[in-house]
């Protein structure tokens, strides 16, 4: 979007018509912006997941306490670990409610794939 608006504003400020490429491609702009936004969101999520995996890697095999912040089915939840501050998906006992604390064992971490695996 910035590329188009800057090119058009520059042309208008110089008393020239907007560049042909900018005028001709305006119809494509919403799709390009949506694709760009999706890629940026995915990159942001992947980056966060990689950092969280790296933070947890030294804790593989240990028990951590986590607060359930959102249920994701009958026996899975989004959980928040306090230290290090990481949000993850984990199995929880059936009947667990948001706000409860659960004990999890960190089973496996793959930093390169930004994967974290817990056991309840």
C-alpha atoms as a PDB file:
ATOM      1  CA  UNK A   1       0.000   0.000   0.000  1.00  0.00           C
ATOM      2  CA  UNK A   2       2.783   2.447   0.916  1.00  0.00           C
ATOM      3  CA  UNK A   3       4.498   1.916  -2.416  1.00  0.00           C
ATOM      4  CA  UNK A   4       1.339   2.872  -4.297  1.00  0.00           C
ATOM      5  CA  UNK A   5       0.359   5.805  -2.108  1.00  0.00           C
ATOM      6  CA  UNK A   6       3.876   7.254  -2.076  1.00  0.00           C
ATOM      7  CA  UNK A   7       4.215   6.972  -5.855  1.00  0.00           C
ATOM      8  CA  UNK A   8       0.810   8.567  -6.411  1.00  0.00           C
ATOM      9  CA  UNK A   9       1.416  11.354  -3.871  1.00  0.00           C
ATOM     10  CA  UNK A  10       4.842  12.120  -5.344  1.00  0.00           C
ATOM     11  CA  UNK A  11       3.392  12.369  -8.837  1.00  0.00           C
ATOM     12  CA  UNK A  12       0.488  14.565  -7.727  1.00  0.00           C
ATOM     13  CA  UNK A  13       2.814  16.832  -5.719  1.00  0.00           C
ATOM     14  CA  UNK A  14       4.907  17.329  -8.857  1.00  0.00           C
ATOM     15  CA  UNK A  15       1.848  18.057 -10.998  1.00  0.00           C
ATOM     16  CA  UNK A  16       2.183  14.785 -12.904  1.00  0.00           C
ATOM     17  CA  UNK A  17      -0.303  11.981 -13.408  1.00  0.00           C
ATOM     18  CA  UNK A  18      -0.061   8.950 -11.155  1.00  0.00           C
ATOM     19  CA  UNK A  19       2.297   6.311 -12.556  1.00  0.00           C
ATOM     20  CA  UNK A  20       0.644   3.923 -14.970  1.00  0.00           C
ATOM     21  CA  UNK A  21       1.762   0.836 -13.005  1.00  0.00           C
ATOM     22  CA  UNK A  22       0.096   2.229  -9.878  1.00  0.00           C
ATOM     23  CA  UNK A  23      -3.170   3.023 -11.638  1.00  0.00           C
ATOM     24  CA  UNK A  24      -3.286  -0.297 -13.476  1.00  0.00           C
ATOM     25  CA  UNK A  25      -2.597  -2.403 -10.411  1.00  0.00           C
ATOM     26  CA  UNK A  26      -4.949  -0.709  -7.918  1.00  0.00           C
ATOM     27  CA  UNK A  27      -7.516  -3.491  -8.390  1.00  0.00           C
ATOM     28  CA  UNK A  28      -4.899  -6.033  -7.254  1.00  0.00           C
ATOM     29  CA  UNK A  29      -3.969  -4.065  -4.151  1.00  0.00           C
ATOM     30  CA  UNK A  30      -6.559  -5.537  -1.711  1.00  0.00           C
ATOM     31  CA  UNK A  31      -5.460  -9.104  -2.533  1.00  0.00           C
ATOM     32  CA  UNK A  32      -1.780  -8.171  -2.288  1.00  0.00           C
ATOM     33  CA  UNK A  33      -2.370  -6.520   1.082  1.00  0.00           C
ATOM     34  CA  UNK A  34      -4.273  -9.560   2.365  1.00  0.00           C
ATOM     35  CA  UNK A  35      -1.508 -11.945   1.245  1.00  0.00           C
ATOM     36  CA  UNK A  36       1.136  -9.710   2.777  1.00  0.00           C
ATOM     37  CA  UNK A  37      -0.769  -9.499   6.042  1.00  0.00           C
ATOM     38  CA  UNK A  38      -1.159 -13.266   6.200  1.00  0.00           C
ATOM     39  CA  UNK A  39       2.559 -13.816   5.559  1.00  0.00           C
ATOM     40  CA  UNK A  40       3.480 -11.251   8.191  1.00  0.00           C
ATOM     41  CA  UNK A  41       1.145 -12.867  10.737  1.00  0.00           C
ATOM     42  CA  UNK A  42       2.566 -16.322  10.013  1.00  0.00           C
ATOM     43  CA  UNK A  43       6.133 -15.054  10.314  1.00  0.00           C
ATOM     44  CA  UNK A  44       5.288 -13.365  13.607  1.00  0.00           C
ATOM     45  CA  UNK A  45       3.691 -16.548  14.977  1.00  0.00           C
ATOM     46  CA  UNK A  46       6.599 -18.713  13.801  1.00  0.00           C
ATOM     47  CA  UNK A  47       9.110 -16.344  15.379  1.00  0.00           C
ATOM     48  CA  UNK A  48       7.278 -16.311  18.705  1.00  0.00           C
ATOM     49  CA  UNK A  49       6.909 -20.105  18.683  1.00  0.00           C
ATOM     50  CA  UNK A  50      10.623 -20.545  17.951  1.00  0.00           C
ATOM     51  CA  UNK A  51      11.642 -18.229  20.800  1.00  0.00           C
ATOM     52  CA  UNK A  52       9.259 -19.997  23.193  1.00  0.00           C
ATOM     53  CA  UNK A  53      10.650 -23.392  22.163  1.00  0.00           C
ATOM     54  CA  UNK A  54      14.200 -22.129  22.747  1.00  0.00           C
ATOM     55  CA  UNK A  55      13.235 -20.824  26.196  1.00  0.00           C
ATOM     56  CA  UNK A  56      11.709 -24.169  27.160  1.00  0.00           C
ATOM     57  CA  UNK A  57      14.412 -26.400  25.667  1.00  0.00           C
ATOM     58  CA  UNK A  58      16.535 -26.532  28.852  1.00  0.00           C
ATOM     59  CA  UNK A  59      13.467 -27.715  30.798  1.00  0.00           C
ATOM     60  CA  UNK A  60      12.806 -30.913  28.795  1.00  0.00           C
ATOM     61  CA  UNK A  61      11.960 -33.696  31.227  1.00  0.00           C
ATOM     62  CA  UNK A  62      10.941 -31.374  34.051  1.00  0.00           C
ATOM     63  CA  UNK A  63       7.575 -30.559  35.546  1.00  0.00           C
ATOM     64  CA  UNK A  64       6.114 -27.081  35.132  1.00  0.00           C
ATOM     65  CA  UNK A  65       2.944 -25.555  36.502  1.00  0.00           C
ATOM     66  CA  UNK A  66       0.707 -23.813  33.998  1.00  0.00           C
ATOM     67  CA  UNK A  67      -2.524 -21.867  34.203  1.00  0.00           C
ATOM     68  CA  UNK A  68      -5.293 -22.876  31.807  1.00  0.00           C
ATOM     69  CA  UNK A  69      -6.333 -19.830  29.827  1.00  0.00           C
ATOM     70  CA  UNK A  70      -8.608 -21.382  27.189  1.00  0.00           C
ATOM     71  CA  UNK A  71     -10.041 -24.844  26.580  1.00  0.00           C
ATOM     72  CA  UNK A  72      -9.465 -26.342  23.140  1.00  0.00           C
ATOM     73  CA  UNK A  73     -11.628 -29.380  23.224  1.00  0.00           C
ATOM     74  CA  UNK A  74     -12.325 -31.786  26.049  1.00  0.00           C
ATOM     75  CA  UNK A  75      -8.723 -32.556  26.973  1.00  0.00           C
ATOM     76  CA  UNK A  76      -6.539 -29.789  25.477  1.00  0.00           C
ATOM     77  CA  UNK A  77      -6.045 -26.193  26.448  1.00  0.00           C
ATOM     78  CA  UNK A  78      -4.025 -23.075  25.866  1.00  0.00           C
ATOM     79  CA  UNK A  79      -1.893 -22.710  28.975  1.00  0.00           C
ATOM     80  CA  UNK A  80       0.319 -19.984  30.379  1.00  0.00           C
ATOM     81  CA  UNK A  81       3.577 -20.922  32.038  1.00  0.00           C
ATOM     82  CA  UNK A  82       4.855 -18.256  34.398  1.00  0.00           C
ATOM     83  CA  UNK A  83       8.597 -18.872  34.168  1.00  0.00           C
ATOM     84  CA  UNK A  84       9.680 -18.665  31.477  1.00  0.00           C
ATOM     85  CA  UNK A  85       6.650 -16.720  30.273  1.00  0.00           C
ATOM     86  CA  UNK A  86       5.342 -18.999  27.518  1.00  0.00           C
ATOM     87  CA  UNK A  87       1.883 -19.689  26.152  1.00  0.00           C
ATOM     88  CA  UNK A  88       1.431 -23.162  24.695  1.00  0.00           C
ATOM     89  CA  UNK A  89      -1.074 -25.833  23.830  1.00  0.00           C
ATOM     90  CA  UNK A  90      -1.096 -28.802  26.194  1.00  0.00           C
ATOM     91  CA  UNK A  91      -3.154 -31.797  27.243  1.00  0.00           C
ATOM     92  CA  UNK A  92      -5.193 -31.275  30.398  1.00  0.00           C
ATOM     93  CA  UNK A  93      -7.338 -33.603  32.476  1.00  0.00           C
ATOM     94  CA  UNK A  94     -10.965 -33.812  31.368  1.00  0.00           C
ATOM     95  CA  UNK A  95     -13.024 -31.369  33.417  1.00  0.00           C
ATOM     96  CA  UNK A  96     -10.248 -28.810  33.817  1.00  0.00           C
ATOM     97  CA  UNK A  97     -11.576 -25.247  33.737  1.00  0.00           C
ATOM     98  CA  UNK A  98      -9.955 -21.975  32.694  1.00  0.00           C
ATOM     99  CA  UNK A  99      -8.079 -20.412  35.587  1.00  0.00           C
ATOM    100  CA  UNK A 100      -7.028 -23.738  37.076  1.00  0.00           C
ATOM    101  CA  UNK A 101      -3.375 -24.646  37.486  1.00  0.00           C
ATOM    102  CA  UNK A 102      -2.200 -27.928  35.959  1.00  0.00           C
ATOM    103  CA  UNK A 103       1.093 -29.766  36.357  1.00  0.00           C
ATOM    104  CA  UNK A 104       2.696 -30.617  33.020  1.00  0.00           C
ATOM    105  CA  UNK A 105       5.818 -32.507  32.090  1.00  0.00           C
ATOM    106  CA  UNK A 106       7.748 -31.025  29.198  1.00  0.00           C
ATOM    107  CA  UNK A 107       8.292 -34.109  27.037  1.00  0.00           C
ATOM    108  CA  UNK A 108       9.909 -32.773  23.883  1.00  0.00           C
ATOM    109  CA  UNK A 109      11.059 -29.540  22.264  1.00  0.00           C
ATOM    110  CA  UNK A 110      12.173 -29.065  18.672  1.00  0.00           C
ATOM    111  CA  UNK A 111      13.408 -25.497  18.310  1.00  0.00           C
ATOM    112  CA  UNK A 112      13.955 -25.728  14.531  1.00  0.00           C
ATOM    113  CA  UNK A 113      10.349 -26.831  14.001  1.00  0.00           C
ATOM    114  CA  UNK A 114       9.134 -24.623  16.887  1.00  0.00           C
ATOM    115  CA  UNK A 115       7.349 -27.581  18.435  1.00  0.00           C
ATOM    116  CA  UNK A 116       6.649 -28.099  22.131  1.00  0.00           C
ATOM    117  CA  UNK A 117       5.101 -31.257  23.554  1.00  0.00           C
ATOM    118  CA  UNK A 118       3.740 -31.656  27.068  1.00  0.00           C
ATOM    119  CA  UNK A 119       2.251 -34.548  28.991  1.00  0.00           C
ATOM    120  CA  UNK A 120      -0.346 -34.000  31.706  1.00  0.00           C
END
